[in-house]
C-alpha atoms as a PDB file:
ATOM      1  CA  UNK A   1      -0.077   0.054   0.183  1.00  0.00           C
ATOM      2  CA  UNK A   2       2.667   2.320   0.900  1.00  0.00           C
ATOM      3  CA  UNK A   3       4.480   1.758  -2.873  1.00  0.00           C
ATOM      4  CA  UNK A   4       0.996   2.514  -4.335  1.00  0.00           C
ATOM      5  CA  UNK A   5       0.637   6.035  -2.209  1.00  0.00           C
ATOM      6  CA  UNK A   6       4.962   6.642  -2.986  1.00  0.00           C
ATOM      7  CA  UNK A   7       3.803   5.958  -6.749  1.00  0.00           C
ATOM      8  CA  UNK A   8       0.614   8.032  -6.841  1.00  0.00           C
ATOM      9  CA  UNK A   9       2.378  11.126  -5.059  1.00  0.00           C
ATOM     10  CA  UNK A  10       5.477  11.018  -8.020  1.00  0.00           C
ATOM     11  CA  UNK A  11       2.814  10.816 -10.744  1.00  0.00           C
ATOM     12  CA  UNK A  12       0.968  14.011  -9.482  1.00  0.00           C
ATOM     13  CA  UNK A  13       3.918  15.789  -8.774  1.00  0.00           C
ATOM     14  CA  UNK A  14       5.475  14.767 -11.847  1.00  0.00           C
ATOM     15  CA  UNK A  15       2.107  16.007 -13.292  1.00  0.00           C
ATOM     16  CA  UNK A  16       1.956  19.046 -11.815  1.00  0.00           C
ATOM     17  CA  UNK A  17       6.192  19.826 -12.755  1.00  0.00           C
ATOM     18  CA  UNK A  18       5.102  19.606 -16.555  1.00  0.00           C
ATOM     19  CA  UNK A  19       2.143  21.954 -15.982  1.00  0.00           C
ATOM     20  CA  UNK A  20       3.655  24.878 -13.811  1.00  0.00           C
ATOM     21  CA  UNK A  21       4.657  26.432 -16.879  1.00  0.00           C
ATOM     22  CA  UNK A  22       1.495  26.305 -19.027  1.00  0.00           C
ATOM     23  CA  UNK A  23      -0.918  29.259 -19.211  1.00  0.00           C
ATOM     24  CA  UNK A  24       1.552  31.489 -17.639  1.00  0.00           C
ATOM     25  CA  UNK A  25       3.631  34.714 -18.609  1.00  0.00           C
ATOM     26  CA  UNK A  26       7.002  33.738 -19.963  1.00  0.00           C
ATOM     27  CA  UNK A  27      10.031  35.564 -18.092  1.00  0.00           C
ATOM     28  CA  UNK A  28      11.378  38.445 -20.057  1.00  0.00           C
ATOM     29  CA  UNK A  29      15.027  38.527 -21.406  1.00  0.00           C
ATOM     30  CA  UNK A  30      17.606  40.225 -22.266  1.00  0.00           C
ATOM     31  CA  UNK A  31      20.292  38.562 -23.700  1.00  0.00           C
ATOM     32  CA  UNK A  32      23.094  38.636 -26.765  1.00  0.00           C
ATOM     33  CA  UNK A  33      23.241  36.117 -29.333  1.00  0.00           C
ATOM     34  CA  UNK A  34      26.107  34.972 -31.565  1.00  0.00           C
ATOM     35  CA  UNK A  35      26.524  38.195 -33.295  1.00  0.00           C
ATOM     36  CA  UNK A  36      26.357  39.869 -29.869  1.00  0.00           C
ATOM     37  CA  UNK A  37      23.021  41.445 -31.001  1.00  0.00           C
ATOM     38  CA  UNK A  38      20.649  41.490 -27.759  1.00  0.00           C
ATOM     39  CA  UNK A  39      17.358  40.266 -28.107  1.00  0.00           C
ATOM     40  CA  UNK A  40      14.257  39.858 -25.750  1.00  0.00           C
ATOM     41  CA  UNK A  41      11.101  38.705 -25.398  1.00  0.00           C
ATOM     42  CA  UNK A  42       9.410  41.586 -26.670  1.00  0.00           C
ATOM     43  CA  UNK A  43      10.784  41.279 -29.976  1.00  0.00           C
ATOM     44  CA  UNK A  44       8.941  38.313 -30.478  1.00  0.00           C
ATOM     45  CA  UNK A  45       5.494  39.217 -29.641  1.00  0.00           C
ATOM     46  CA  UNK A  46       2.681  38.554 -32.388  1.00  0.00           C
ATOM     47  CA  UNK A  47       4.819  35.520 -33.238  1.00  0.00           C
ATOM     48  CA  UNK A  48       5.081  32.130 -31.517  1.00  0.00           C
ATOM     49  CA  UNK A  49       8.237  31.308 -30.270  1.00  0.00           C
ATOM     50  CA  UNK A  50      10.251  27.966 -29.652  1.00  0.00           C
ATOM     51  CA  UNK A  51      12.516  28.490 -26.861  1.00  0.00           C
ATOM     52  CA  UNK A  52      14.805  25.353 -26.461  1.00  0.00           C
ATOM     53  CA  UNK A  53      17.437  25.278 -23.803  1.00  0.00           C
ATOM     54  CA  UNK A  54      20.313  22.792 -24.334  1.00  0.00           C
ATOM     55  CA  UNK A  55      23.422  21.970 -21.645  1.00  0.00           C
ATOM     56  CA  UNK A  56      26.835  22.517 -23.775  1.00  0.00           C
ATOM     57  CA  UNK A  57      27.835  23.681 -27.496  1.00  0.00           C
ATOM     58  CA  UNK A  58      29.472  20.970 -29.831  1.00  0.00           C
ATOM     59  CA  UNK A  59      28.778  17.839 -27.660  1.00  0.00           C
ATOM     60  CA  UNK A  60      26.869  15.234 -29.075  1.00  0.00           C
ATOM     61  CA  UNK A  61      23.351  15.365 -28.015  1.00  0.00           C
ATOM     62  CA  UNK A  62      23.344  19.248 -28.367  1.00  0.00           C
ATOM     63  CA  UNK A  63      24.916  18.844 -31.532  1.00  0.00           C
ATOM     64  CA  UNK A  64      21.779  16.516 -32.766  1.00  0.00           C
ATOM     65  CA  UNK A  65      19.151  18.727 -31.656  1.00  0.00           C
ATOM     66  CA  UNK A  66      21.029  22.124 -33.001  1.00  0.00           C
ATOM     67  CA  UNK A  67      20.521  19.465 -36.634  1.00  0.00           C
ATOM     68  CA  UNK A  68      17.521  18.910 -35.923  1.00  0.00           C
ATOM     69  CA  UNK A  69      15.844  22.330 -35.192  1.00  0.00           C
ATOM     70  CA  UNK A  70      18.181  23.273 -38.222  1.00  0.00           C
ATOM     71  CA  UNK A  71      16.363  20.676 -40.680  1.00  0.00           C
ATOM     72  CA  UNK A  72      13.180  21.680 -39.211  1.00  0.00           C
ATOM     73  CA  UNK A  73      13.619  25.265 -39.299  1.00  0.00           C
ATOM     74  CA  UNK A  74      12.032  26.008 -42.798  1.00  0.00           C
ATOM     75  CA  UNK A  75       8.944  24.184 -41.595  1.00  0.00           C
ATOM     76  CA  UNK A  76       8.423  25.778 -38.301  1.00  0.00           C
ATOM     77  CA  UNK A  77       9.080  29.332 -40.123  1.00  0.00           C
ATOM     78  CA  UNK A  78       6.005  28.326 -42.542  1.00  0.00           C
ATOM     79  CA  UNK A  79       4.204  27.917 -38.902  1.00  0.00           C
ATOM     80  CA  UNK A  80       5.044  31.527 -38.588  1.00  0.00           C
ATOM     81  CA  UNK A  81       7.216  30.291 -35.532  1.00  0.00           C
ATOM     82  CA  UNK A  82      10.871  31.357 -34.792  1.00  0.00           C
ATOM     83  CA  UNK A  83      13.545  28.784 -33.112  1.00  0.00           C
ATOM     84  CA  UNK A  84      15.622  30.219 -30.686  1.00  0.00           C
ATOM     85  CA  UNK A  85      18.284  28.057 -28.519  1.00  0.00           C
ATOM     86  CA  UNK A  86      19.798  29.063 -25.263  1.00  0.00           C
ATOM     87  CA  UNK A  87      22.368  27.608 -23.165  1.00  0.00           C
ATOM     88  CA  UNK A  88      25.106  29.045 -20.204  1.00  0.00           C
ATOM     89  CA  UNK A  89      27.896  29.310 -23.046  1.00  0.00           C
ATOM     90  CA  UNK A  90      29.277  32.437 -23.869  1.00  0.00           C
ATOM     91  CA  UNK A  91      28.594  34.961 -27.533  1.00  0.00           C
ATOM     92  CA  UNK A  92      31.846  33.096 -28.932  1.00  0.00           C
ATOM     93  CA  UNK A  93      31.197  29.399 -28.679  1.00  0.00           C
ATOM     94  CA  UNK A  94      27.683  30.119 -29.729  1.00  0.00           C
ATOM     95  CA  UNK A  95      29.734  31.546 -32.680  1.00  0.00           C
ATOM     96  CA  UNK A  96      31.533  28.741 -33.406  1.00  0.00           C
ATOM     97  CA  UNK A  97      28.960  26.366 -32.946  1.00  0.00           C
ATOM     98  CA  UNK A  98      26.224  28.116 -35.478  1.00  0.00           C
ATOM     99  CA  UNK A  99      29.112  28.740 -37.894  1.00  0.00           C
ATOM    100  CA  UNK A 100      30.401  24.588 -38.118  1.00  0.00           C
ATOM    101  CA  UNK A 101      26.499  23.253 -38.239  1.00  0.00           C
ATOM    102  CA  UNK A 102      25.176  26.528 -40.137  1.00  0.00           C
ATOM    103  CA  UNK A 103      22.615  26.413 -37.334  1.00  0.00           C
ATOM    104  CA  UNK A 104      19.835  29.797 -39.118  1.00  0.00           C
ATOM    105  CA  UNK A 105      18.454  30.739 -35.857  1.00  0.00           C
ATOM    106  CA  UNK A 106      19.460  32.795 -32.867  1.00  0.00           C
ATOM    107  CA  UNK A 107      21.439  31.177 -29.806  1.00  0.00           C
ATOM    108  CA  UNK A 108      21.522  33.156 -26.523  1.00  0.00           C
ATOM    109  CA  UNK A 109      24.359  33.362 -24.547  1.00  0.00           C
ATOM    110  CA  UNK A 110      22.986  33.027 -20.689  1.00  0.00           C
ATOM    111  CA  UNK A 111      26.506  33.488 -19.583  1.00  0.00           C
ATOM    112  CA  UNK A 112      25.378  34.773 -16.021  1.00  0.00           C
ATOM    113  CA  UNK A 113      22.493  32.077 -15.949  1.00  0.00           C
ATOM    114  CA  UNK A 114      19.787  35.024 -15.409  1.00  0.00           C
ATOM    115  CA  UNK A 115      17.491  33.228 -18.288  1.00  0.00           C
ATOM    116  CA  UNK A 116      17.766  29.685 -17.509  1.00  0.00           C
ATOM    117  CA  UNK A 117      17.272  30.604 -13.608  1.00  0.00           C
ATOM    118  CA  UNK A 118      14.113  32.453 -14.811  1.00  0.00           C
ATOM    119  CA  UNK A 119      12.673  30.011 -16.629  1.00  0.00           C
ATOM    120  CA  UNK A 120      13.472  27.264 -13.626  1.00  0.00           C
ATOM    121  CA  UNK A 121      16.158  25.065 -16.210  1.00  0.00           C
ATOM    122  CA  UNK A 122      19.571  25.646 -14.446  1.00  0.00           C
ATOM    123  CA  UNK A 123      20.814  22.341 -13.089  1.00  0.00           C
ATOM    124  CA  UNK A 124      23.225  23.068 -10.245  1.00  0.00           C
ATOM    125  CA  UNK A 125      25.856  20.042  -9.560  1.00  0.00           C
ATOM    126  CA  UNK A 126      29.164  20.014  -7.922  1.00  0.00           C
ATOM    127  CA  UNK A 127      31.803  22.394 -10.210  1.00  0.00           C
ATOM    128  CA  UNK A 128      29.221  22.645 -13.125  1.00  0.00           C
ATOM    129  CA  UNK A 129      26.234  24.320 -13.557  1.00  0.00           C
ATOM    130  CA  UNK A 130      24.038  24.074 -17.097  1.00  0.00           C
ATOM    131  CA  UNK A 131      20.809  24.642 -18.411  1.00  0.00           C
ATOM    132  CA  UNK A 132      18.837  21.171 -18.822  1.00  0.00           C
ATOM    133  CA  UNK A 133      17.301  19.940 -22.362  1.00  0.00           C
ATOM    134  CA  UNK A 134      14.195  21.695 -21.858  1.00  0.00           C
ATOM    135  CA  UNK A 135      11.843  23.864 -24.031  1.00  0.00           C
ATOM    136  CA  UNK A 136       8.869  26.341 -24.017  1.00  0.00           C
ATOM    137  CA  UNK A 137       6.431  27.176 -26.767  1.00  0.00           C
ATOM    138  CA  UNK A 138       5.544  30.691 -25.982  1.00  0.00           C
ATOM    139  CA  UNK A 139       2.260  31.927 -28.113  1.00  0.00           C
ATOM    140  CA  UNK A 140       2.188  35.073 -29.697  1.00  0.00           C
ATOM    141  CA  UNK A 141       0.897  37.204 -26.633  1.00  0.00           C
ATOM    142  CA  UNK A 142       3.937  36.042 -24.582  1.00  0.00           C
ATOM    143  CA  UNK A 143       1.992  32.854 -22.876  1.00  0.00           C
ATOM    144  CA  UNK A 144       3.785  29.842 -22.211  1.00  0.00           C
ATOM    145  CA  UNK A 145       1.626  27.446 -24.372  1.00  0.00           C
ATOM    146  CA  UNK A 146       3.513  24.345 -24.072  1.00  0.00           C
ATOM    147  CA  UNK A 147       6.194  22.953 -21.603  1.00  0.00           C
ATOM    148  CA  UNK A 148       8.644  19.964 -22.612  1.00  0.00           C
ATOM    149  CA  UNK A 149      10.334  18.949 -19.091  1.00  0.00           C
ATOM    150  CA  UNK A 150      11.731  15.974 -21.317  1.00  0.00           C
ATOM    151  CA  UNK A 151      13.122  16.208 -24.383  1.00  0.00           C
ATOM    152  CA  UNK A 152      14.508  13.680 -27.179  1.00  0.00           C
ATOM    153  CA  UNK A 153      17.100  15.168 -28.823  1.00  0.00           C
ATOM    154  CA  UNK A 154      17.022  12.946 -31.997  1.00  0.00           C
ATOM    155  CA  UNK A 155      12.799  13.701 -32.342  1.00  0.00           C
ATOM    156  CA  UNK A 156      11.894  16.873 -30.735  1.00  0.00           C
ATOM    157  CA  UNK A 157      11.793  19.077 -33.400  1.00  0.00           C
ATOM    158  CA  UNK A 158       9.583  16.928 -34.806  1.00  0.00           C
ATOM    159  CA  UNK A 159       7.665  16.617 -31.495  1.00  0.00           C
ATOM    160  CA  UNK A 160       7.641  20.462 -31.863  1.00  0.00           C
ATOM    161  CA  UNK A 161       6.047  20.974 -35.116  1.00  0.00           C
ATOM    162  CA  UNK A 162       3.081  18.872 -34.490  1.00  0.00           C
ATOM    163  CA  UNK A 163       2.183  20.269 -31.098  1.00  0.00           C
ATOM    164  CA  UNK A 164       2.674  23.872 -32.782  1.00  0.00           C
ATOM    165  CA  UNK A 165       0.123  22.741 -35.363  1.00  0.00           C
ATOM    166  CA  UNK A 166      -2.288  21.187 -32.189  1.00  0.00           C
ATOM    167  CA  UNK A 167      -1.608  24.462 -30.312  1.00  0.00           C
ATOM    168  CA  UNK A 168      -2.017  26.869 -33.437  1.00  0.00           C
ATOM    169  CA  UNK A 169      -5.092  25.281 -34.174  1.00  0.00           C
ATOM    170  CA  UNK A 170      -6.697  25.313 -31.055  1.00  0.00           C
ATOM    171  CA  UNK A 171      -5.847  29.493 -30.787  1.00  0.00           C
ATOM    172  CA  UNK A 172      -7.441  29.924 -34.053  1.00  0.00           C
ATOM    173  CA  UNK A 173     -10.480  28.026 -32.916  1.00  0.00           C
ATOM    174  CA  UNK A 174     -11.031  29.955 -29.677  1.00  0.00           C
ATOM    175  CA  UNK A 175     -10.760  33.365 -31.592  1.00  0.00           C
END
C-alpha cells in the first residue's frame, strides 16, 4: 500500500511539474546572440516562439538537437514560429557552434545564468552548472503554451512541429 501511495505522489508531482509553466507569462530576457546582438522577449510578440534550452555547444546530444532544429527550421518558419536556442555558453562558443553546423536561428548566450534561472532550467552539480534540455513554446501574446520537461534530442523538433500545429489550430478555434 505504501508503494502505491508513493507511486501516486510521484505521478502527481511529475504531472504538476510539467504543467507548472503552461498558461503563465513567459519570463522576459535581454541576452546577446552568437553575433553579440541583444534579444528580448518583446521582439517576438505577435509570433510563436520555440525557446529551447540545451546544456553545451558542440556536444553530441546538443549537436543532434541543433541539427534537427536546423533541418526543421523552414517548416517551423512556415508555421509562423521562430526558433531560439539558449545555453550558458558565451557568445564566442555560440558563434563557433552556429558556424560549424550552419545553424540559421538565434542562440542566446546566458553566461550569467539569469534567463535559465528565470525559466527554472538550471542544473547545478558540484563544479558545474548547465541548462537542462527543456523547451517552451510561447504563444504570440507571450504566454507559455507548452512546456517540455523531457526532451529527446533526436526527435524533438518533429514533436514541436506537431504540437505547434495543434496549438495554433486550438488558438484559431478560440478566436
